């Protein structure tokens, strides 16, 4: 028996006859003629090799074989309809899994903010946050470990494109009782002799780049580099050091009671970007979330940064 010749329409005709207790009523529900429904039933019985109904001049009733076959037919259509709904949800960006890479601060603040808003619109979409070092953001998008990534501006190469979303100045974070907290704005030369903790080699390199055009006696170098920004914040909170980070870390820095001070001459701006692949297409849910994310991040920046971003 070549079951591949059985059609979904035949299953629909069979189940409609069962539900409607007759061929004429089934035809009306399906929008077909009675002869068309009878033909679909005959074709199905021929492929199965047994009769599904016992027929009289007035009615049709399920045969013993038909009753045994009914659960399987219902299961086929149930799974088909589920598949159709899933395909529709994916096509309409309404369901699916989206993996977003982000460094610690953004992964714990801006990304959850975006997810909370998005799931109100698309409750079947599951957005998974993948903690990612800044240095690996581009690599993880290129290798398909994540669908998207959000983070500070990085060189991308040919396989990944980046879209700048908002700008955030580098600032100094220190304990409220630290001497530098008395100043509203700081110049780089004001940091001479101050213990500075950098977070990761990315921050260390960024500070070096900021001061690359400064005289050698104006250069500032961190006294220590730690891996986790919360470690730097903890040390700064005790007045043991200060740390430099973009202003967008404000929601996390304030939980440590840290004060923010602008650093000027020069003032350096960091851009937060969305990274997406160039050489492969995103799934509809990922593409939809990427579109929403761009708008959401701008809103988050306005609502949470405020004066920190100079707005």
Protein backbone atom coordinates (compact mmCIF):
# COMPACT_ATOMS: atom_id res chain seq x y z
CA UNK A 1 0.00 0.00 0.00
CA UNK A 2 1.52 3.30 -1.10
CA UNK A 3 0.37 5.63 1.65
CA UNK A 4 2.18 8.50 -0.05
CA UNK A 5 -0.76 8.58 -2.49
CA UNK A 6 -3.18 9.36 0.34
CA UNK A 7 -4.06 13.05 0.42
CA UNK A 8 -4.97 15.39 3.25
CA UNK A 9 -8.20 16.19 1.44
CA UNK A 10 -9.20 12.52 1.69
CA UNK A 11 -8.61 12.56 5.44
CA UNK A 12 -10.66 15.76 5.71
CA UNK A 13 -13.53 14.16 3.79
CA UNK A 14 -13.43 11.06 6.00
CA UNK A 15 -13.49 13.03 9.25
CA UNK A 16 -16.16 15.42 7.98
CA UNK A 17 -18.45 12.46 7.18
CA UNK A 18 -17.88 11.12 10.72
CA UNK A 19 -18.54 14.52 12.32
CA UNK A 20 -21.59 15.34 10.20
CA UNK A 21 -23.07 11.81 10.14
CA UNK A 22 -23.45 11.84 6.39
CA UNK A 23 -21.94 12.66 3.02
CA UNK A 24 -24.29 15.51 2.10
CA UNK A 25 -23.67 17.41 5.35
CA UNK A 26 -19.94 16.77 5.07
CA UNK A 27 -19.96 18.15 1.52
CA UNK A 28 -21.70 21.30 2.72
CA UNK A 29 -19.12 21.87 5.45
CA UNK A 30 -16.21 21.33 3.07
CA UNK A 31 -17.73 23.42 0.30
CA UNK A 32 -17.79 20.49 -2.12
CA UNK A 33 -20.45 18.51 -3.92
CA UNK A 34 -21.70 15.22 -2.49
CA UNK A 35 -20.24 13.35 -5.46
CA UNK A 36 -16.81 14.94 -4.84
CA UNK A 37 -16.87 13.85 -1.19
CA UNK A 38 -17.98 10.35 -2.18
CA UNK A 39 -15.09 10.17 -4.65
CA UNK A 40 -12.55 11.28 -2.02
CA UNK A 41 -13.89 8.62 0.33
CA UNK A 42 -13.72 5.94 -2.35
CA UNK A 43 -10.13 6.90 -3.21
CA UNK A 44 -9.12 6.72 0.46
CA UNK A 45 -10.75 3.33 0.95
CA UNK A 46 -9.04 2.04 -2.17
CA UNK A 47 -5.62 3.14 -0.92
CA UNK A 48 -6.24 1.73 2.57
CA UNK A 49 -7.60 -1.54 1.31
CA UNK A 50 -10.69 -1.65 3.53
CA UNK A 51 -14.08 0.03 3.86
CA UNK A 52 -14.40 2.86 6.35
CA UNK A 53 -18.21 2.99 6.40
CA UNK A 54 -21.10 0.63 6.18
CA UNK A 55 -23.59 2.25 3.77
CA UNK A 56 -27.36 1.97 3.54
CA UNK A 57 -29.74 3.94 1.37
CA UNK A 58 -30.37 6.37 4.21
CA UNK A 59 -27.12 6.66 6.13
CA UNK A 60 -23.49 5.76 6.50
CA UNK A 61 -21.98 4.46 9.72
CA UNK A 62 -18.42 3.67 10.66
CA UNK A 63 -17.34 0.14 9.97
CA UNK A 64 -15.31 -1.77 12.54
CA UNK A 65 -12.17 -1.03 10.51
CA UNK A 66 -13.24 2.62 10.26
CA UNK A 67 -13.54 2.93 14.03
CA UNK A 68 -10.06 1.43 14.44
CA UNK A 69 -8.62 3.81 11.83
CA UNK A 70 -10.35 6.96 13.10
CA UNK A 71 -7.85 7.88 15.89
CA UNK A 72 -4.95 7.71 13.43
CA UNK A 73 -6.75 9.92 10.92
CA UNK A 74 -7.58 12.45 13.64
CA UNK A 75 -3.96 12.40 14.77
CA UNK A 76 -2.70 13.10 11.23
CA UNK A 77 -4.91 16.17 10.84
CA UNK A 78 -4.19 17.38 14.36
CA UNK A 79 -0.44 17.31 13.72
CA UNK A 80 -0.90 18.87 10.30
CA UNK A 81 -2.91 21.73 11.71
CA UNK A 82 -0.30 22.22 14.43
CA UNK A 83 2.41 22.32 11.76
CA UNK A 84 0.39 24.84 9.74
CA UNK A 85 -0.03 27.03 12.81
CA UNK A 86 3.67 26.82 13.62
CA UNK A 87 4.60 27.74 10.06
CA UNK A 88 2.17 30.65 10.18
CA UNK A 89 3.60 31.86 13.49
CA UNK A 90 7.16 31.67 12.17
CA UNK A 91 6.23 33.35 8.91
CA UNK A 92 4.48 36.15 10.80
CA UNK A 93 7.36 36.46 13.32
CA UNK A 94 4.99 35.24 16.02
CA UNK A 95 6.90 32.19 17.27
CA UNK A 96 10.38 30.75 17.41
CA UNK A 97 13.63 30.98 19.33
CA UNK A 98 15.99 33.95 19.03
CA UNK A 99 19.50 33.88 20.50
CA UNK A 100 21.01 37.26 21.35
CA UNK A 101 24.60 37.69 22.48
CA UNK A 102 25.48 40.61 24.75
CA UNK A 103 28.12 41.55 27.34
CA UNK A 104 27.19 41.46 31.01
CA UNK A 105 25.86 45.00 31.52
CA UNK A 106 23.65 45.07 28.43
CA UNK A 107 22.64 41.43 28.97
CA UNK A 108 21.34 42.31 32.43
CA UNK A 109 19.71 45.67 31.65
CA UNK A 110 18.91 46.72 28.08
CA UNK A 111 18.22 43.27 26.61
CA UNK A 112 15.74 42.19 29.33
CA UNK A 113 14.01 45.56 28.86
CA UNK A 114 13.58 44.80 25.16
CA UNK A 115 12.45 41.22 25.78
CA UNK A 116 9.81 42.31 28.30
CA UNK A 117 8.27 44.62 25.73
CA UNK A 118 8.51 42.17 22.83
CA UNK A 119 6.86 39.21 24.55
CA UNK A 120 3.81 41.38 25.14
CA UNK A 121 3.42 41.54 21.36
CA UNK A 122 4.79 38.10 20.44
CA UNK A 123 4.25 35.77 23.42
CA UNK A 124 5.29 32.67 21.47
CA UNK A 125 8.75 34.04 20.66
CA UNK A 126 11.44 32.86 23.08
CA UNK A 127 14.45 35.19 23.29
CA UNK A 128 17.50 33.64 24.90
CA UNK A 129 20.29 35.88 26.15
CA UNK A 130 23.78 34.50 25.62
CA UNK A 131 26.43 36.11 27.85
CA UNK A 132 29.27 37.09 25.53
CA UNK A 133 32.54 38.91 26.05
CA UNK A 134 32.85 42.10 24.01
CA UNK A 135 35.85 40.61 22.21
CA UNK A 136 33.73 37.67 20.95
CA UNK A 137 30.55 39.46 19.86
CA UNK A 138 31.40 39.55 16.16
CA UNK A 139 32.85 36.04 16.15
CA UNK A 140 29.73 34.50 17.69
CA UNK A 141 27.46 36.13 15.12
CA UNK A 142 29.74 35.05 12.26
CA UNK A 143 29.86 31.44 13.50
CA UNK A 144 26.05 31.30 14.06
CA UNK A 145 26.43 30.70 17.81
CA UNK A 146 23.91 33.53 18.16
CA UNK A 147 21.43 35.08 15.76
CA UNK A 148 22.17 38.66 16.82
CA UNK A 149 24.49 40.46 19.15
CA UNK A 150 24.32 43.79 20.93
CA UNK A 151 27.36 45.59 22.24
CA UNK A 152 29.88 48.39 21.85
CA UNK A 153 31.32 49.22 18.46
CA UNK A 154 33.76 46.65 17.11
CA UNK A 155 35.36 45.97 13.74
CA UNK A 156 33.19 43.43 11.92
CA UNK A 157 34.91 42.17 8.77
CA UNK A 158 32.94 40.90 5.76
CA UNK A 159 30.62 38.37 7.42
CA UNK A 160 28.91 40.60 9.99
CA UNK A 161 27.28 44.00 9.70
CA UNK A 162 26.71 46.42 12.51
CA UNK A 163 24.09 49.12 12.97
CA UNK A 164 24.75 51.88 15.48
CA UNK A 165 21.78 52.41 17.81
CA UNK A 166 22.81 54.97 20.41
CA UNK A 167 25.88 56.83 21.61
CA UNK A 168 27.25 56.80 25.13
CA UNK A 169 30.21 58.79 26.53
CA UNK A 170 32.99 57.18 28.51
CA UNK A 171 32.72 58.36 32.12
CA UNK A 172 34.36 57.80 35.46
CA UNK A 173 32.62 55.86 38.21
CA UNK A 174 33.70 56.33 41.81
CA UNK A 175 32.41 56.12 45.37
CA UNK A 176 30.33 59.09 46.49
CA UNK A 177 33.00 59.88 49.14
CA UNK A 178 35.90 59.72 46.67
CA UNK A 179 37.73 63.07 46.21
CA UNK A 180 36.98 63.05 42.48
CA UNK A 181 33.24 62.88 43.22
CA UNK A 182 33.40 66.53 44.32
CA UNK A 183 34.09 67.55 40.72
CA UNK A 184 31.25 67.87 38.22
CA UNK A 185 33.50 67.19 35.25
CA UNK A 186 37.03 65.91 35.03
CA UNK A 187 39.91 66.28 32.64
CA UNK A 188 42.18 63.39 31.95
CA UNK A 189 45.01 65.13 33.72
CA UNK A 190 42.87 65.17 36.88
CA UNK A 191 43.19 61.39 36.98
CA UNK A 192 46.96 61.38 37.42
CA UNK A 193 47.91 59.47 40.51
CA UNK A 194 44.46 57.89 40.81
CA UNK A 195 44.14 54.13 41.02
CA UNK A 196 42.06 53.05 38.01
CA UNK A 197 40.60 49.59 37.54
CA UNK A 198 39.81 48.54 33.96
CA UNK A 199 37.32 45.81 33.06
CA UNK A 200 38.77 43.46 30.49
CA UNK A 201 41.36 44.16 27.84
CA UNK A 202 38.70 45.85 25.75
CA UNK A 203 38.36 48.65 28.31
CA UNK A 204 42.11 48.86 28.76
CA UNK A 205 42.61 49.20 25.01
CA UNK A 206 39.79 51.76 24.77
CA UNK A 207 41.39 53.97 27.41
CA UNK A 208 44.72 53.74 25.64
CA UNK A 209 43.07 54.72 22.36
CA UNK A 210 41.37 57.73 23.96
CA UNK A 211 44.71 59.10 25.07
CA UNK A 212 46.78 58.11 22.06
CA UNK A 213 47.14 61.70 20.89
CA UNK A 214 47.93 63.07 24.36
CA UNK A 215 51.43 63.96 25.58
CA UNK A 216 53.19 61.10 27.30
CA UNK A 217 52.88 62.79 30.70
CA UNK A 218 49.10 62.93 30.24
CA UNK A 219 48.70 59.23 29.53
CA UNK A 220 46.65 57.30 32.05
CA UNK A 221 47.16 53.57 32.56
CA UNK A 222 45.02 51.28 34.71
CA UNK A 223 46.76 49.87 37.75
CA UNK A 224 44.76 46.64 37.44
CA UNK A 225 42.58 44.84 34.90
CA UNK A 226 39.74 42.61 36.12
CA UNK A 227 37.50 40.34 34.04
CA UNK A 228 34.11 41.31 35.43
CA UNK A 229 32.66 44.81 35.54
CA UNK A 230 30.95 44.06 38.86
CA UNK A 231 34.36 43.41 40.39
CA UNK A 232 35.51 46.85 39.27
CA UNK A 233 32.33 48.39 40.64
CA UNK A 234 32.80 46.62 43.98
CA UNK A 235 36.34 47.93 44.34
CA UNK A 236 35.24 51.42 43.34
CA UNK A 237 32.35 51.34 45.82
CA UNK A 238 34.84 50.85 48.66
CA UNK A 239 36.90 53.80 47.51
CA UNK A 240 39.85 51.55 46.63
CA UNK A 241 39.93 52.74 43.02
CA UNK A 242 37.86 54.31 40.26
CA UNK A 243 36.82 52.73 37.01
CA UNK A 244 36.07 53.99 33.52
CA UNK A 245 33.12 52.69 31.53
CA UNK A 246 30.50 53.96 29.09
CA UNK A 247 27.58 55.81 30.64
CA UNK A 248 25.16 53.06 29.61
CA UNK A 249 26.37 51.00 32.58
CA UNK A 250 24.46 53.44 34.80
CA UNK A 251 21.63 51.05 35.88
CA UNK A 252 24.16 48.53 37.19
CA UNK A 253 26.69 51.06 38.54
CA UNK A 254 24.03 52.79 40.63
CA UNK A 255 23.24 49.55 42.46
CA UNK A 256 26.76 49.89 43.90
CA UNK A 257 26.08 53.49 44.95
CA UNK A 258 28.65 54.83 42.47
CA UNK A 259 28.77 58.43 41.31
CA UNK A 260 29.28 59.27 37.65
CA UNK A 261 31.55 62.04 36.45
CA UNK A 262 32.14 63.10 32.85
CA UNK A 263 35.71 63.00 31.60
CA UNK A 264 36.52 65.63 28.96
CA UNK A 265 39.46 66.88 26.94
CA UNK A 266 39.03 64.65 25.11
CA UNK A 267 35.55 63.26 25.65
CA UNK A 268 35.19 59.89 23.97
CA UNK A 269 31.90 58.52 22.75
CA UNK A 270 31.13 54.84 22.44
CA UNK A 271 28.40 53.52 20.15
CA UNK A 272 26.16 50.60 21.04
CA UNK A 273 25.41 48.52 17.96
CA UNK A 274 23.35 45.58 16.78
CA UNK A 275 25.36 42.93 14.94
CA UNK A 276 23.77 40.56 12.44
CA UNK A 277 25.15 38.14 9.84
CA UNK A 278 25.75 39.09 6.22
CA UNK A 279 26.15 35.64 4.68
CA UNK A 280 22.98 34.02 6.03
CA UNK A 281 19.42 35.17 6.47
CA UNK A 282 17.82 35.48 9.87
CA UNK A 283 14.72 33.48 10.70
CA UNK A 284 11.53 35.58 10.61
CA UNK A 285 11.32 35.67 14.45
CA UNK A 286 14.97 36.78 14.72
CA UNK A 287 14.49 39.38 12.00
CA UNK A 288 11.39 40.67 13.76
CA UNK A 289 13.15 40.91 17.11
CA UNK A 290 16.14 42.66 15.51
CA UNK A 291 13.76 45.29 14.13
CA UNK A 292 12.07 45.72 17.50
CA UNK A 293 15.40 45.73 19.34
CA UNK A 294 16.68 48.74 17.44
CA UNK A 295 13.70 50.81 18.54
CA UNK A 296 13.65 49.42 22.07
CA UNK A 297 17.33 50.14 22.74
CA UNK A 298 16.86 53.78 21.76
CA UNK A 299 13.92 54.03 24.14
CA UNK A 300 15.90 52.33 26.92
CA UNK A 301 18.76 54.76 26.36
CA UNK A 302 16.44 57.77 26.67
CA UNK A 303 14.67 56.44 29.75
CA UNK A 304 17.64 55.15 31.74
CA UNK A 305 20.58 57.30 30.68
CA UNK A 306 19.18 60.83 30.67
CA UNK A 307 21.82 63.18 31.94
CA UNK A 308 24.43 60.45 31.74
CA UNK A 309 24.20 60.55 27.96
CA UNK A 310 24.16 64.29 27.86
CA UNK A 311 20.55 64.39 26.63
